[in-house]
Amino acid sequence: MTSTVQLSKQAITLKGSAQIVSEFFSYGINGILYQRGVYPQDTFKSVQHYGIPLLVSTDENVNKYLATVLGQVESWVAENKAERLVLVLKDIDTNDVLERWEFRVECEKPAETASNKADPVGKKDLKKIQAEIRDVMRQVRLKFLFTHVQ
């Protein structure tokens, strides 16, 4: 029987507006897909987001699927319908759960976000956003390393 790596004991926290939470979740998913080798490394490229280099998939089908999922995530977070998001990696042949990644959602209250919808970062300082993105990616890397030690 395949053992399941429970990565949700310490959830990764995503904080900010609905759009920021959705973006952070996207970075986390792409990082996990890359680090866990779900897709070949050559199907990822490095891009700059908020001045931070991040790996994102170049696979059209993956990106189309993620765009749909992340659009729904953003809607749920904006409507306070999501407290946590869970990414589950399963064995394609047996359907056994291999890993479970939990992300806790802390959405800013509407008064804390910008009234201008064209401003996705709201009132949050760029340095704070960069620090939070780095923190999300650090947590993904730490959880990745933790699973290799067991």
N, C-alpha and C. Protein backbone atom coordinates (compact mmCIF):
# COMPACT_ATOMS: atom_id res chain seq x y z
N MET A 1 0.84 -1.19 0.00
CA MET A 1 0.00 0.00 0.00
C MET A 1 0.89 1.25 0.00
N THR A 2 0.53 2.21 -0.78
CA THR A 2 1.29 3.45 -0.88
C THR A 2 1.01 4.32 0.33
N SER A 3 2.08 4.87 0.90
CA SER A 3 1.87 5.77 2.03
C SER A 3 1.59 7.17 1.52
N THR A 4 0.75 7.86 2.23
CA THR A 4 0.40 9.22 1.86
C THR A 4 1.26 10.18 2.65
N VAL A 5 1.86 11.13 1.98
CA VAL A 5 2.62 12.16 2.66
C VAL A 5 1.64 13.25 3.06
N GLN A 6 1.43 13.44 4.34
CA GLN A 6 0.50 14.45 4.81
C GLN A 6 1.25 15.77 4.99
N LEU A 7 1.07 16.64 4.06
CA LEU A 7 1.76 17.92 4.09
C LEU A 7 0.89 19.01 4.70
N SER A 8 -0.29 18.63 5.14
CA SER A 8 -1.23 19.65 5.61
C SER A 8 -1.13 19.90 7.11
N LYS A 9 -0.22 19.22 7.80
CA LYS A 9 -0.11 19.43 9.24
C LYS A 9 0.17 20.90 9.54
N GLN A 10 0.97 21.52 8.71
CA GLN A 10 1.20 22.95 8.82
C GLN A 10 0.85 23.55 7.46
N ALA A 11 -0.32 24.12 7.39
CA ALA A 11 -0.80 24.67 6.12
C ALA A 11 0.03 25.88 5.72
N ILE A 12 0.15 26.07 4.43
CA ILE A 12 0.78 27.26 3.88
C ILE A 12 -0.29 28.34 3.85
N THR A 13 0.04 29.52 4.36
CA THR A 13 -0.94 30.59 4.45
C THR A 13 -0.83 31.53 3.25
N LEU A 14 -1.98 31.83 2.66
CA LEU A 14 -2.09 32.78 1.56
C LEU A 14 -2.87 33.98 2.07
N LYS A 15 -2.25 35.17 2.06
CA LYS A 15 -2.90 36.37 2.61
C LYS A 15 -3.03 37.44 1.54
N GLY A 16 -4.12 38.20 1.60
CA GLY A 16 -4.29 39.35 0.71
C GLY A 16 -5.67 39.42 0.11
N SER A 17 -5.78 40.21 -0.94
CA SER A 17 -7.05 40.33 -1.66
C SER A 17 -7.34 39.01 -2.37
N ALA A 18 -8.54 38.86 -2.89
CA ALA A 18 -8.90 37.63 -3.61
C ALA A 18 -7.94 37.40 -4.78
N GLN A 19 -7.59 38.46 -5.48
CA GLN A 19 -6.69 38.31 -6.62
C GLN A 19 -5.28 37.90 -6.17
N ILE A 20 -4.80 38.51 -5.11
CA ILE A 20 -3.47 38.16 -4.59
C ILE A 20 -3.45 36.71 -4.10
N VAL A 21 -4.49 36.29 -3.37
CA VAL A 21 -4.57 34.91 -2.89
C VAL A 21 -4.54 33.95 -4.07
N SER A 22 -5.30 34.25 -5.11
CA SER A 22 -5.33 33.41 -6.31
C SER A 22 -3.95 33.35 -6.97
N GLU A 23 -3.28 34.49 -7.06
CA GLU A 23 -1.93 34.53 -7.64
C GLU A 23 -0.96 33.70 -6.80
N PHE A 24 -0.99 33.89 -5.47
CA PHE A 24 -0.09 33.15 -4.58
C PHE A 24 -0.35 31.65 -4.71
N PHE A 25 -1.62 31.25 -4.81
CA PHE A 25 -1.97 29.84 -4.97
C PHE A 25 -1.39 29.30 -6.28
N SER A 26 -1.46 30.11 -7.32
CA SER A 26 -0.89 29.74 -8.61
C SER A 26 0.61 29.49 -8.50
N TYR A 27 1.32 30.40 -7.80
CA TYR A 27 2.76 30.24 -7.63
C TYR A 27 3.06 28.95 -6.85
N GLY A 28 2.26 28.70 -5.82
CA GLY A 28 2.44 27.49 -5.02
C GLY A 28 2.22 26.24 -5.85
N ILE A 29 1.14 26.21 -6.63
CA ILE A 29 0.84 25.05 -7.47
C ILE A 29 1.97 24.81 -8.47
N ASN A 30 2.38 25.86 -9.16
CA ASN A 30 3.46 25.71 -10.14
C ASN A 30 4.74 25.22 -9.48
N GLY A 31 5.06 25.75 -8.31
CA GLY A 31 6.25 25.30 -7.58
C GLY A 31 6.17 23.83 -7.21
N ILE A 32 5.01 23.39 -6.77
CA ILE A 32 4.82 21.98 -6.40
C ILE A 32 4.92 21.10 -7.64
N LEU A 33 4.24 21.48 -8.72
CA LEU A 33 4.29 20.68 -9.95
C LEU A 33 5.72 20.54 -10.45
N TYR A 34 6.51 21.61 -10.32
CA TYR A 34 7.90 21.58 -10.76
C TYR A 34 8.75 20.72 -9.82
N GLN A 35 8.70 21.03 -8.53
CA GLN A 35 9.57 20.35 -7.57
C GLN A 35 9.26 18.86 -7.43
N ARG A 36 8.01 18.50 -7.56
CA ARG A 36 7.62 17.09 -7.42
C ARG A 36 7.76 16.32 -8.72
N GLY A 37 8.15 17.01 -9.80
CA GLY A 37 8.36 16.34 -11.07
C GLY A 37 7.09 15.82 -11.71
N VAL A 38 5.97 16.48 -11.42
CA VAL A 38 4.70 16.06 -12.01
C VAL A 38 4.75 16.24 -13.53
N TYR A 39 5.40 17.30 -13.97
CA TYR A 39 5.62 17.55 -15.39
C TYR A 39 7.12 17.74 -15.60
N PRO A 40 7.62 17.46 -16.80
CA PRO A 40 9.06 17.61 -17.06
C PRO A 40 9.54 19.03 -16.78
N GLN A 41 10.78 19.13 -16.28
CA GLN A 41 11.35 20.44 -15.96
C GLN A 41 11.41 21.37 -17.16
N ASP A 42 11.57 20.80 -18.35
CA ASP A 42 11.67 21.66 -19.53
C ASP A 42 10.33 22.26 -19.96
N THR A 43 9.25 21.92 -19.23
CA THR A 43 7.95 22.54 -19.52
C THR A 43 7.66 23.69 -18.56
N PHE A 44 8.70 24.18 -17.89
CA PHE A 44 8.57 25.33 -17.00
C PHE A 44 9.55 26.40 -17.44
N LYS A 45 9.17 27.65 -17.20
CA LYS A 45 10.07 28.77 -17.49
C LYS A 45 10.07 29.70 -16.30
N SER A 46 11.14 30.47 -16.19
CA SER A 46 11.26 31.45 -15.11
C SER A 46 10.66 32.77 -15.59
N VAL A 47 9.77 33.33 -14.77
CA VAL A 47 9.17 34.63 -15.07
C VAL A 47 9.27 35.52 -13.84
N GLN A 48 9.17 36.81 -14.04
CA GLN A 48 9.21 37.77 -12.94
C GLN A 48 7.79 38.18 -12.57
N HIS A 49 7.44 38.03 -11.31
CA HIS A 49 6.16 38.53 -10.78
C HIS A 49 6.50 39.35 -9.54
N TYR A 50 6.09 40.61 -9.55
CA TYR A 50 6.38 41.53 -8.45
C TYR A 50 7.89 41.57 -8.18
N GLY A 51 8.70 41.42 -9.22
CA GLY A 51 10.14 41.49 -9.08
C GLY A 51 10.79 40.22 -8.54
N ILE A 52 10.06 39.12 -8.51
CA ILE A 52 10.58 37.86 -7.98
C ILE A 52 10.56 36.82 -9.10
N PRO A 53 11.68 36.12 -9.32
CA PRO A 53 11.67 35.07 -10.34
C PRO A 53 10.91 33.84 -9.84
N LEU A 54 9.95 33.37 -10.63
CA LEU A 54 9.15 32.20 -10.27
C LEU A 54 9.06 31.27 -11.47
N LEU A 55 8.97 29.97 -11.21
CA LEU A 55 8.80 29.01 -12.29
C LEU A 55 7.32 28.79 -12.56
N VAL A 56 6.95 28.86 -13.83
CA VAL A 56 5.56 28.62 -14.23
C VAL A 56 5.55 27.66 -15.41
N SER A 57 4.48 26.91 -15.51
CA SER A 57 4.34 25.93 -16.58
C SER A 57 4.17 26.62 -17.93
N THR A 58 4.73 25.99 -18.95
CA THR A 58 4.53 26.46 -20.32
C THR A 58 3.56 25.54 -21.06
N ASP A 59 3.08 24.51 -20.39
CA ASP A 59 2.16 23.55 -21.00
C ASP A 59 0.79 24.19 -21.17
N GLU A 60 0.32 24.26 -22.40
CA GLU A 60 -0.95 24.94 -22.70
C GLU A 60 -2.13 24.32 -21.96
N ASN A 61 -2.19 22.99 -21.89
CA ASN A 61 -3.30 22.33 -21.20
C ASN A 61 -3.27 22.58 -19.70
N VAL A 62 -2.09 22.56 -19.12
CA VAL A 62 -1.96 22.84 -17.69
C VAL A 62 -2.41 24.27 -17.41
N ASN A 63 -1.94 25.21 -18.22
CA ASN A 63 -2.28 26.61 -18.01
C ASN A 63 -3.77 26.89 -18.21
N LYS A 64 -4.38 26.22 -19.17
CA LYS A 64 -5.82 26.38 -19.40
C LYS A 64 -6.60 25.87 -18.19
N TYR A 65 -6.21 24.70 -17.69
CA TYR A 65 -6.87 24.13 -16.51
C TYR A 65 -6.69 25.03 -15.29
N LEU A 66 -5.44 25.48 -15.07
CA LEU A 66 -5.18 26.35 -13.91
C LEU A 66 -5.94 27.67 -14.01
N ALA A 67 -6.06 28.23 -15.21
CA ALA A 67 -6.81 29.48 -15.38
C ALA A 67 -8.26 29.30 -14.94
N THR A 68 -8.85 28.17 -15.30
CA THR A 68 -10.24 27.89 -14.90
C THR A 68 -10.35 27.73 -13.39
N VAL A 69 -9.47 26.92 -12.82
CA VAL A 69 -9.49 26.68 -11.37
C VAL A 69 -9.22 27.96 -10.60
N LEU A 70 -8.22 28.71 -11.01
CA LEU A 70 -7.85 29.92 -10.28
C LEU A 70 -8.91 31.01 -10.41
N GLY A 71 -9.60 31.06 -11.52
CA GLY A 71 -10.72 31.99 -11.66
C GLY A 71 -11.81 31.68 -10.65
N GLN A 72 -12.10 30.39 -10.47
CA GLN A 72 -13.10 29.98 -9.48
C GLN A 72 -12.61 30.25 -8.06
N VAL A 73 -11.33 29.98 -7.81
CA VAL A 73 -10.75 30.25 -6.50
C VAL A 73 -10.89 31.72 -6.16
N GLU A 74 -10.56 32.58 -7.11
CA GLU A 74 -10.66 34.03 -6.87
C GLU A 74 -12.09 34.43 -6.52
N SER A 75 -13.07 33.86 -7.23
CA SER A 75 -14.48 34.16 -6.93
C SER A 75 -14.85 33.69 -5.53
N TRP A 76 -14.48 32.47 -5.18
CA TRP A 76 -14.80 31.94 -3.85
C TRP A 76 -14.17 32.78 -2.75
N VAL A 77 -12.91 33.16 -2.94
CA VAL A 77 -12.21 33.95 -1.91
C VAL A 77 -12.86 35.32 -1.79
N ALA A 78 -13.20 35.95 -2.91
CA ALA A 78 -13.84 37.27 -2.90
C ALA A 78 -15.17 37.24 -2.17
N GLU A 79 -15.88 36.10 -2.26
CA GLU A 79 -17.19 35.95 -1.62
C GLU A 79 -17.08 35.30 -0.24
N ASN A 80 -15.86 35.18 0.28
CA ASN A 80 -15.60 34.54 1.58
C ASN A 80 -16.18 33.13 1.65
N LYS A 81 -16.08 32.39 0.56
CA LYS A 81 -16.58 31.02 0.51
C LYS A 81 -15.46 29.99 0.62
N ALA A 82 -14.22 30.44 0.80
CA ALA A 82 -13.09 29.51 0.91
C ALA A 82 -12.22 29.90 2.09
N GLU A 83 -12.01 28.96 2.99
CA GLU A 83 -11.10 29.16 4.12
C GLU A 83 -9.78 28.46 3.89
N ARG A 84 -9.81 27.41 3.05
CA ARG A 84 -8.59 26.69 2.72
C ARG A 84 -8.73 26.08 1.33
N LEU A 85 -7.59 25.89 0.72
CA LEU A 85 -7.51 25.27 -0.60
C LEU A 85 -6.58 24.07 -0.46
N VAL A 86 -6.93 22.99 -1.11
CA VAL A 86 -6.14 21.77 -0.98
C VAL A 86 -5.75 21.27 -2.36
N LEU A 87 -4.46 21.00 -2.53
CA LEU A 87 -3.94 20.40 -3.75
C LEU A 87 -3.58 18.96 -3.42
N VAL A 88 -4.15 18.02 -4.16
CA VAL A 88 -3.90 16.60 -3.94
C VAL A 88 -3.20 16.02 -5.15
N LEU A 89 -2.08 15.34 -4.91
CA LEU A 89 -1.38 14.63 -5.97
C LEU A 89 -1.71 13.16 -5.83
N LYS A 90 -2.22 12.56 -6.92
CA LYS A 90 -2.63 11.15 -6.91
C LYS A 90 -1.83 10.35 -7.92
N ASP A 91 -1.68 9.06 -7.64
CA ASP A 91 -1.07 8.13 -8.57
C ASP A 91 -2.03 7.94 -9.74
N ILE A 92 -1.55 8.14 -10.95
CA ILE A 92 -2.43 8.08 -12.12
C ILE A 92 -2.98 6.68 -12.36
N ASP A 93 -2.24 5.64 -11.96
CA ASP A 93 -2.68 4.27 -12.19
C ASP A 93 -3.60 3.74 -11.10
N THR A 94 -3.23 4.01 -9.83
CA THR A 94 -3.99 3.43 -8.71
C THR A 94 -4.98 4.40 -8.10
N ASN A 95 -4.84 5.68 -8.41
CA ASN A 95 -5.67 6.74 -7.83
C ASN A 95 -5.39 6.95 -6.34
N ASP A 96 -4.31 6.34 -5.83
CA ASP A 96 -3.92 6.54 -4.43
C ASP A 96 -3.44 7.98 -4.24
N VAL A 97 -3.79 8.56 -3.10
CA VAL A 97 -3.30 9.90 -2.77
C VAL A 97 -1.84 9.78 -2.38
N LEU A 98 -0.99 10.53 -3.08
CA LEU A 98 0.44 10.53 -2.79
C LEU A 98 0.82 11.67 -1.86
N GLU A 99 0.25 12.83 -2.10
CA GLU A 99 0.54 14.02 -1.30
C GLU A 99 -0.70 14.88 -1.21
N ARG A 100 -0.77 15.62 -0.11
CA ARG A 100 -1.88 16.54 0.11
C ARG A 100 -1.29 17.84 0.64
N TRP A 101 -1.46 18.91 -0.10
CA TRP A 101 -0.93 20.22 0.26
C TRP A 101 -2.10 21.12 0.64
N GLU A 102 -2.07 21.66 1.84
CA GLU A 102 -3.15 22.54 2.30
C GLU A 102 -2.67 23.98 2.37
N PHE A 103 -3.50 24.87 1.84
CA PHE A 103 -3.23 26.31 1.86
C PHE A 103 -4.36 26.98 2.63
N ARG A 104 -4.02 27.68 3.69
CA ARG A 104 -5.02 28.41 4.47
C ARG A 104 -5.19 29.80 3.84
N VAL A 105 -6.44 30.24 3.72
CA VAL A 105 -6.75 31.51 3.06
C VAL A 105 -7.07 32.57 4.11
N GLU A 106 -6.38 33.70 4.02
CA GLU A 106 -6.67 34.87 4.86
C GLU A 106 -6.90 36.04 3.91
N CYS A 107 -8.16 36.25 3.56
CA CYS A 107 -8.52 37.30 2.61
C CYS A 107 -8.69 38.63 3.34
N GLU A 108 -8.16 39.69 2.73
CA GLU A 108 -8.37 41.03 3.28
C GLU A 108 -9.84 41.37 3.25
N LYS A 109 -10.27 42.11 4.22
CA LYS A 109 -11.66 42.61 4.22
C LYS A 109 -11.78 43.63 3.09
N PRO A 110 -12.99 43.79 2.53
CA PRO A 110 -13.16 44.73 1.41
C PRO A 110 -12.64 46.13 1.71
N ALA A 111 -12.75 46.60 2.93
CA ALA A 111 -12.28 47.94 3.26
C ALA A 111 -10.76 48.04 3.18
N GLU A 112 -10.08 46.89 3.29
CA GLU A 112 -8.63 46.88 3.26
C GLU A 112 -8.07 46.85 1.85
N THR A 113 -8.90 46.52 0.87
CA THR A 113 -8.43 46.44 -0.51
C THR A 113 -8.72 47.74 -1.23
N ALA A 114 -8.06 47.91 -2.34
CA ALA A 114 -8.25 49.14 -3.12
C ALA A 114 -9.64 49.16 -3.73
N SER A 115 -10.21 50.35 -3.83
CA SER A 115 -11.52 50.47 -4.46
C SER A 115 -11.40 50.40 -5.97
N ASN A 116 -10.21 50.63 -6.48
CA ASN A 116 -9.97 50.58 -7.92
C ASN A 116 -9.65 49.14 -8.32
N LYS A 117 -10.56 48.49 -9.06
CA LYS A 117 -10.36 47.09 -9.46
C LYS A 117 -9.15 46.92 -10.37
N ALA A 118 -8.69 47.99 -11.01
CA ALA A 118 -7.53 47.88 -11.88
C ALA A 118 -6.25 47.71 -11.07
N ASP A 119 -6.30 47.93 -9.77
CA ASP A 119 -5.13 47.81 -8.91
C ASP A 119 -5.21 46.48 -8.15
N PRO A 120 -4.59 45.40 -8.66
CA PRO A 120 -4.73 44.09 -8.05
C PRO A 120 -4.05 43.95 -6.71
N VAL A 121 -3.11 44.82 -6.38
CA VAL A 121 -2.40 44.66 -5.12
C VAL A 121 -3.06 45.43 -3.98
N GLY A 122 -4.11 46.16 -4.28
CA GLY A 122 -4.79 46.91 -3.23
C GLY A 122 -3.84 47.91 -2.60
N LYS A 123 -3.93 48.04 -1.28
CA LYS A 123 -3.09 48.99 -0.56
C LYS A 123 -1.81 48.35 -0.06
N LYS A 124 -1.59 47.10 -0.39
CA LYS A 124 -0.44 46.37 0.11
C LYS A 124 0.84 46.86 -0.56
N ASP A 125 1.87 47.08 0.24
CA ASP A 125 3.17 47.53 -0.22
C ASP A 125 3.86 46.43 -1.04
N LEU A 126 4.55 46.82 -2.11
CA LEU A 126 5.23 45.87 -2.98
C LEU A 126 6.22 45.00 -2.20
N LYS A 127 6.96 45.60 -1.29
CA LYS A 127 7.94 44.82 -0.50
C LYS A 127 7.24 43.76 0.35
N LYS A 128 6.05 44.10 0.85
CA LYS A 128 5.29 43.14 1.65
C LYS A 128 4.80 41.99 0.76
N ILE A 129 4.33 42.32 -0.44
CA ILE A 129 3.89 41.28 -1.38
C ILE A 129 5.06 40.38 -1.73
N GLN A 130 6.22 40.98 -2.03
CA GLN A 130 7.40 40.19 -2.36
C GLN A 130 7.78 39.26 -1.21
N ALA A 131 7.75 39.78 0.01
CA ALA A 131 8.08 38.96 1.18
C ALA A 131 7.10 37.81 1.34
N GLU A 132 5.82 38.07 1.10
CA GLU A 132 4.81 37.02 1.24
C GLU A 132 4.94 35.96 0.15
N ILE A 133 5.26 36.38 -1.08
CA ILE A 133 5.48 35.40 -2.15
C ILE A 133 6.69 34.54 -1.80
N ARG A 134 7.75 35.17 -1.36
CA ARG A 134 8.95 34.41 -0.97
C ARG A 134 8.62 33.43 0.15
N ASP A 135 7.78 33.86 1.09
CA ASP A 135 7.39 32.99 2.20
C ASP A 135 6.60 31.78 1.70
N VAL A 136 5.66 32.00 0.78
CA VAL A 136 4.89 30.88 0.22
C VAL A 136 5.83 29.90 -0.47
N MET A 137 6.74 30.42 -1.30
CA MET A 137 7.65 29.54 -2.03
C MET A 137 8.63 28.85 -1.08
N ARG A 138 9.05 29.53 -0.03
CA ARG A 138 9.94 28.92 0.97
C ARG A 138 9.23 27.76 1.65
N GLN A 139 7.96 27.97 2.01
CA GLN A 139 7.19 26.90 2.66
C GLN A 139 7.01 25.71 1.73
N VAL A 140 6.78 25.97 0.45
CA VAL A 140 6.65 24.87 -0.52
C VAL A 140 7.97 24.10 -0.59
N ARG A 141 9.11 24.82 -0.66
CA ARG A 141 10.41 24.16 -0.72
C ARG A 141 10.69 23.36 0.54
N LEU A 142 10.37 23.93 1.72
CA LEU A 142 10.60 23.22 2.98
C LEU A 142 9.77 21.95 3.06
N LYS A 143 8.52 22.03 2.66
CA LYS A 143 7.67 20.84 2.69
C LYS A 143 8.18 19.80 1.70
N PHE A 144 8.71 20.26 0.57
CA PHE A 144 9.30 19.37 -0.42
C PHE A 144 10.50 18.65 0.19
N LEU A 145 11.38 19.39 0.84
CA LEU A 145 12.56 18.79 1.47
C LEU A 145 12.15 17.83 2.58
N PHE A 146 11.14 18.20 3.35
CA PHE A 146 10.65 17.37 4.45
C PHE A 146 10.22 16.00 3.94
N THR A 147 9.55 15.96 2.79
CA THR A 147 9.07 14.68 2.26
C THR A 147 10.21 13.81 1.77
N HIS A 148 11.34 14.41 1.40
CA HIS A 148 12.49 13.62 0.96
C HIS A 148 13.28 13.05 2.13
N VAL A 149 13.14 13.62 3.31
CA VAL A 149 13.85 13.15 4.50
C VAL A 149 13.17 11.93 5.09
N GLN A 150 11.85 11.85 4.96
CA GLN A 150 11.09 10.75 5.57
C GLN A 150 11.38 9.44 4.90
